[in-house]
Amino acid sequence: MEVEVKLFASFRNGRWKGKRLSFAYEVSIKDILKILNINEDELGILLVNGSYSKIDTILKNNDVLAIFPPVAGG
């Protein structure tokens, strides 16, 4: 199974902008966050294929996961 992971803003520091990850097993967003060493309390928005998603979502082959830190604006 392959999942494309896109990181935004501060999550790119010391990591990458986007990467295709391969897994031999079912994987959730929470699993990917553990791999990337991103704590749940650091999260802002999670999108799977452009739709808002929850941390316990099980990903499917060829899903695109976008991970954003909290966003502030004015």
N, C-alpha and C. Protein backbone atom coordinates (compact mmCIF):
# COMPACT_ATOMS: atom_id res chain seq x y z
N MET A 1 0.84 -1.16 0.00
CA MET A 1 0.00 0.00 0.00
C MET A 1 0.90 1.24 0.00
N GLU A 2 0.51 2.25 -0.78
CA GLU A 2 1.26 3.50 -0.82
C GLU A 2 0.36 4.67 -0.46
N VAL A 3 0.94 5.61 0.29
CA VAL A 3 0.24 6.81 0.72
C VAL A 3 1.16 8.00 0.44
N GLU A 4 0.62 9.05 -0.15
CA GLU A 4 1.40 10.27 -0.33
C GLU A 4 1.15 11.17 0.87
N VAL A 5 2.23 11.62 1.50
CA VAL A 5 2.13 12.47 2.68
C VAL A 5 2.72 13.83 2.33
N LYS A 6 1.93 14.88 2.57
CA LYS A 6 2.37 16.25 2.32
C LYS A 6 2.40 16.99 3.66
N LEU A 7 3.52 17.63 3.93
CA LEU A 7 3.70 18.37 5.17
C LEU A 7 3.71 19.87 4.86
N PHE A 8 3.16 20.65 5.79
CA PHE A 8 3.07 22.09 5.57
C PHE A 8 3.66 22.86 6.74
N ALA A 9 4.12 24.08 6.43
CA ALA A 9 4.63 25.05 7.40
C ALA A 9 5.74 24.42 8.26
N SER A 10 5.64 24.54 9.56
CA SER A 10 6.71 24.10 10.46
C SER A 10 6.94 22.59 10.43
N PHE A 11 5.99 21.81 9.96
CA PHE A 11 6.19 20.35 9.88
C PHE A 11 7.24 19.97 8.84
N ARG A 12 7.58 20.89 7.97
CA ARG A 12 8.62 20.62 6.97
C ARG A 12 10.02 20.76 7.54
N ASN A 13 10.17 21.46 8.64
CA ASN A 13 11.49 21.68 9.25
C ASN A 13 12.13 20.34 9.62
N GLY A 14 13.26 20.05 9.01
CA GLY A 14 13.97 18.81 9.28
C GLY A 14 13.35 17.57 8.65
N ARG A 15 12.30 17.79 7.86
CA ARG A 15 11.63 16.66 7.19
C ARG A 15 11.65 16.93 5.70
N TRP A 16 10.52 16.85 5.06
CA TRP A 16 10.38 17.03 3.62
C TRP A 16 9.04 17.67 3.33
N LYS A 17 8.88 18.11 2.09
CA LYS A 17 7.63 18.75 1.66
C LYS A 17 6.56 17.71 1.35
N GLY A 18 6.95 16.70 0.62
CA GLY A 18 6.02 15.64 0.25
C GLY A 18 6.79 14.36 -0.06
N LYS A 19 6.17 13.23 0.26
CA LYS A 19 6.85 11.95 0.06
C LYS A 19 5.83 10.85 -0.06
N ARG A 20 6.13 9.88 -0.88
CA ARG A 20 5.28 8.70 -1.03
C ARG A 20 5.83 7.61 -0.11
N LEU A 21 5.00 7.13 0.81
CA LEU A 21 5.42 6.10 1.75
C LEU A 21 4.75 4.78 1.42
N SER A 22 5.49 3.70 1.54
CA SER A 22 4.98 2.36 1.27
C SER A 22 4.85 1.57 2.56
N PHE A 23 3.76 0.82 2.66
CA PHE A 23 3.48 0.00 3.84
C PHE A 23 3.02 -1.38 3.39
N ALA A 24 3.40 -2.38 4.17
CA ALA A 24 2.97 -3.75 3.89
C ALA A 24 1.76 -4.11 4.75
N TYR A 25 1.18 -3.12 5.42
CA TYR A 25 0.09 -3.36 6.35
C TYR A 25 -0.84 -2.15 6.34
N GLU A 26 -2.00 -2.31 6.96
CA GLU A 26 -2.96 -1.22 7.09
C GLU A 26 -2.37 -0.15 8.01
N VAL A 27 -2.57 1.11 7.64
CA VAL A 27 -1.97 2.19 8.41
C VAL A 27 -3.00 3.30 8.64
N SER A 28 -2.93 3.90 9.83
CA SER A 28 -3.82 5.02 10.16
C SER A 28 -3.01 6.32 10.14
N ILE A 29 -3.71 7.43 10.19
CA ILE A 29 -3.03 8.71 10.28
C ILE A 29 -2.18 8.74 11.55
N LYS A 30 -2.72 8.22 12.62
CA LYS A 30 -1.99 8.18 13.90
C LYS A 30 -0.66 7.45 13.75
N ASP A 31 -0.65 6.34 12.99
CA ASP A 31 0.59 5.58 12.75
C ASP A 31 1.62 6.45 12.02
N ILE A 32 1.17 7.18 11.03
CA ILE A 32 2.08 8.03 10.26
C ILE A 32 2.62 9.16 11.13
N LEU A 33 1.79 9.72 11.98
CA LEU A 33 2.27 10.76 12.89
C LEU A 33 3.36 10.24 13.82
N LYS A 34 3.21 9.00 14.28
CA LYS A 34 4.24 8.38 15.12
C LYS A 34 5.54 8.23 14.35
N ILE A 35 5.45 7.79 13.11
CA ILE A 35 6.63 7.63 12.26
C ILE A 35 7.35 8.96 12.08
N LEU A 36 6.56 10.03 11.92
CA LEU A 36 7.12 11.37 11.68
C LEU A 36 7.47 12.11 12.98
N ASN A 37 7.19 11.49 14.11
CA ASN A 37 7.45 12.10 15.41
C ASN A 37 6.71 13.43 15.57
N ILE A 38 5.44 13.43 15.18
CA ILE A 38 4.57 14.60 15.34
C ILE A 38 3.55 14.26 16.43
N ASN A 39 3.51 15.07 17.48
CA ASN A 39 2.57 14.85 18.58
C ASN A 39 1.18 15.35 18.20
N GLU A 40 0.17 14.67 18.72
CA GLU A 40 -1.22 15.05 18.43
C GLU A 40 -1.52 16.49 18.81
N ASP A 41 -0.93 16.97 19.89
CA ASP A 41 -1.21 18.34 20.33
C ASP A 41 -0.57 19.40 19.43
N GLU A 42 0.27 18.99 18.48
CA GLU A 42 0.88 19.90 17.52
C GLU A 42 0.03 20.08 16.27
N LEU A 43 -1.02 19.26 16.13
CA LEU A 43 -1.80 19.23 14.90
C LEU A 43 -2.77 20.39 14.78
N GLY A 44 -2.97 20.80 13.54
CA GLY A 44 -4.00 21.78 13.22
C GLY A 44 -5.07 21.12 12.38
N ILE A 45 -4.73 20.84 11.13
CA ILE A 45 -5.70 20.29 10.18
C ILE A 45 -5.12 19.03 9.54
N LEU A 46 -5.97 18.02 9.39
CA LEU A 46 -5.64 16.80 8.66
C LEU A 46 -6.60 16.67 7.49
N LEU A 47 -6.05 16.49 6.29
CA LEU A 47 -6.89 16.28 5.11
C LEU A 47 -6.50 14.97 4.45
N VAL A 48 -7.49 14.19 4.07
CA VAL A 48 -7.25 12.99 3.26
C VAL A 48 -8.00 13.19 1.96
N ASN A 49 -7.25 13.22 0.88
CA ASN A 49 -7.81 13.46 -0.45
C ASN A 49 -8.63 14.75 -0.49
N GLY A 50 -8.15 15.77 0.25
CA GLY A 50 -8.78 17.08 0.24
C GLY A 50 -9.95 17.26 1.19
N SER A 51 -10.30 16.22 1.96
CA SER A 51 -11.42 16.32 2.91
C SER A 51 -10.90 16.21 4.34
N TYR A 52 -11.51 17.00 5.24
CA TYR A 52 -11.12 16.94 6.64
C TYR A 52 -11.22 15.51 7.16
N SER A 53 -10.28 15.16 8.02
CA SER A 53 -10.22 13.79 8.52
C SER A 53 -9.83 13.79 9.99
N LYS A 54 -10.10 12.66 10.64
CA LYS A 54 -9.75 12.48 12.04
C LYS A 54 -8.49 11.64 12.15
N ILE A 55 -7.84 11.75 13.27
CA ILE A 55 -6.55 11.12 13.48
C ILE A 55 -6.61 9.59 13.41
N ASP A 56 -7.75 8.99 13.71
CA ASP A 56 -7.85 7.52 13.71
C ASP A 56 -8.29 6.95 12.36
N THR A 57 -8.36 7.79 11.34
CA THR A 57 -8.75 7.34 10.00
C THR A 57 -7.75 6.32 9.46
N ILE A 58 -8.27 5.22 8.93
CA ILE A 58 -7.44 4.21 8.27
C ILE A 58 -7.29 4.63 6.82
N LEU A 59 -6.06 4.70 6.36
CA LEU A 59 -5.79 5.14 4.99
C LEU A 59 -5.88 3.99 4.00
N LYS A 60 -6.19 4.35 2.77
CA LYS A 60 -6.30 3.37 1.69
C LYS A 60 -5.18 3.61 0.68
N ASN A 61 -4.94 2.62 -0.15
CA ASN A 61 -3.91 2.72 -1.18
C ASN A 61 -4.13 3.98 -2.03
N ASN A 62 -3.06 4.73 -2.24
CA ASN A 62 -3.04 5.95 -3.06
C ASN A 62 -3.73 7.15 -2.42
N ASP A 63 -4.08 7.08 -1.15
CA ASP A 63 -4.61 8.26 -0.47
C ASP A 63 -3.53 9.33 -0.39
N VAL A 64 -3.97 10.58 -0.31
CA VAL A 64 -3.06 11.70 -0.12
C VAL A 64 -3.40 12.33 1.23
N LEU A 65 -2.45 12.32 2.13
CA LEU A 65 -2.60 12.88 3.47
C LEU A 65 -1.85 14.19 3.55
N ALA A 66 -2.55 15.27 3.92
CA ALA A 66 -1.93 16.57 4.13
C ALA A 66 -2.01 16.89 5.62
N ILE A 67 -0.88 17.29 6.19
CA ILE A 67 -0.78 17.55 7.62
C ILE A 67 -0.35 19.00 7.84
N PHE A 68 -1.20 19.75 8.55
CA PHE A 68 -0.96 21.16 8.83
C PHE A 68 -0.86 21.40 10.33
N PRO A 69 0.05 22.28 10.75
CA PRO A 69 0.05 22.71 12.14
C PRO A 69 -1.11 23.69 12.35
N PRO A 70 -1.34 24.12 13.59
CA PRO A 70 -2.41 25.13 13.80
C PRO A 70 -2.13 26.37 12.97
N VAL A 71 -3.19 26.94 12.43
CA VAL A 71 -3.07 28.10 11.57
C VAL A 71 -3.65 29.32 12.29
N ALA A 72 -2.91 30.40 12.25
CA ALA A 72 -3.39 31.66 12.85
C ALA A 72 -3.49 32.71 11.76
N GLY A 73 -4.37 33.58 11.91
CA GLY A 73 -4.50 34.63 10.89
C GLY A 73 -5.33 35.77 11.42
N GLY A 74 -5.50 36.72 10.57
CA GLY A 74 -6.24 37.87 11.04
C GLY A 74 -7.03 38.53 9.98
